[in-house]
């Protein structure tokens, strides 16, 4: 969903995430936000986008592999059926 968005769109979202961490921990905006994001197990949006893209690619590859396996099984089953019909 976030992949392909320009940085000018992601930056405000990252600032919002940072602000939420500052509010949750009640710390000054001058403090570096990274330790607080880590405590919340929140990743920077740029990392989230990359992970999402990789996950989608993995799912697509798995689906393609499963389809190839199913098609191969169907083709082999059809060949066996033809051989059985010819033999019998």
Protein backbone atom coordinates (compact mmCIF):
# COMPACT_ATOMS: atom_id res chain seq x y z
CA UNK A 1 0.00 0.00 0.00
CA UNK A 2 2.86 2.38 0.78
CA UNK A 3 5.21 1.09 -1.92
CA UNK A 4 5.70 3.54 -4.72
CA UNK A 5 4.60 6.56 -2.71
CA UNK A 6 6.88 9.57 -3.02
CA UNK A 7 9.09 10.50 -0.08
CA UNK A 8 7.05 13.70 0.28
CA UNK A 9 4.09 11.51 1.26
CA UNK A 10 6.06 9.17 3.52
CA UNK A 11 7.79 11.96 5.46
CA UNK A 12 4.61 13.31 7.13
CA UNK A 13 3.61 9.75 8.04
CA UNK A 14 7.03 9.18 9.61
CA UNK A 15 6.72 12.45 11.54
CA UNK A 16 3.31 11.32 12.80
CA UNK A 17 4.77 8.01 13.96
CA UNK A 18 7.60 9.87 15.70
CA UNK A 19 5.15 12.25 17.39
CA UNK A 20 3.08 9.32 18.62
CA UNK A 21 6.19 7.77 20.22
CA UNK A 22 7.07 11.07 21.93
CA UNK A 23 3.53 11.37 23.30
CA UNK A 24 3.39 7.75 24.47
CA UNK A 25 6.67 8.10 26.37
CA UNK A 26 6.02 11.71 27.40
CA UNK A 27 9.44 12.91 26.24
CA UNK A 28 10.62 16.13 24.66
CA UNK A 29 10.71 16.36 20.87
CA UNK A 30 14.41 17.19 21.10
CA UNK A 31 15.17 13.64 22.24
CA UNK A 32 16.05 11.15 19.55
CA UNK A 33 13.00 9.03 18.77
CA UNK A 34 14.72 5.81 17.62
CA UNK A 35 15.05 4.20 21.07
CA UNK A 36 11.35 4.82 21.73
CA UNK A 37 10.32 3.42 18.35
CA UNK A 38 12.38 0.32 19.14
CA UNK A 39 10.70 -0.10 22.54
CA UNK A 40 7.33 0.00 20.78
CA UNK A 41 8.63 -2.47 18.16
CA UNK A 42 7.80 0.12 15.49
CA UNK A 43 10.03 0.24 12.44
CA UNK A 44 10.70 3.31 10.30
CA UNK A 45 8.25 3.50 7.42
CA UNK A 46 10.98 3.04 4.83
CA UNK A 47 11.82 -0.34 6.41
CA UNK A 48 8.14 -1.30 6.60
CA UNK A 49 7.69 -0.57 2.89
CA UNK A 50 10.68 -2.74 1.94
CA UNK A 51 9.48 -5.61 4.15
CA UNK A 52 5.99 -5.39 2.63
CA UNK A 53 7.36 -5.51 -0.92
CA UNK A 54 9.57 -8.49 -0.09
CA UNK A 55 6.63 -10.28 1.54
CA UNK A 56 4.46 -9.77 -1.54
CA UNK A 57 7.22 -11.07 -3.80
CA UNK A 58 7.65 -14.17 -1.61
CA UNK A 59 3.90 -14.86 -1.67
CA UNK A 60 3.78 -14.53 -5.45
CA UNK A 61 6.73 -16.91 -5.87
CA UNK A 62 5.12 -19.46 -3.53
CA UNK A 63 1.83 -19.26 -5.43
CA UNK A 64 3.60 -19.73 -8.76
CA UNK A 65 5.50 -22.75 -7.42
CA UNK A 66 2.29 -24.30 -6.06
CA UNK A 67 0.50 -23.74 -9.37
CA UNK A 68 3.37 -25.35 -11.28
CA UNK A 69 3.32 -28.35 -8.94
CA UNK A 70 -0.47 -28.73 -9.25
CA UNK A 71 -0.34 -28.45 -13.03
CA UNK A 72 2.43 -31.06 -13.16
CA UNK A 73 0.40 -33.42 -10.95
CA UNK A 74 -2.66 -32.96 -13.15
CA UNK A 75 -0.65 -33.59 -16.32
CA UNK A 76 0.92 -36.74 -14.85
CA UNK A 77 -2.47 -37.97 -13.64
CA UNK A 78 -3.95 -37.38 -17.09
CA UNK A 79 -1.08 -39.26 -18.74
CA UNK A 80 -1.53 -42.19 -16.34
CA UNK A 81 -5.26 -42.22 -17.07
CA UNK A 82 -4.59 -42.30 -20.83
CA UNK A 83 -2.10 -45.15 -20.42
CA UNK A 84 -4.58 -47.10 -18.27
CA UNK A 85 -7.34 -46.60 -20.84
CA UNK A 86 -5.08 -47.76 -23.67
CA UNK A 87 -3.81 -50.77 -21.73
CA UNK A 88 -7.23 -51.89 -20.53
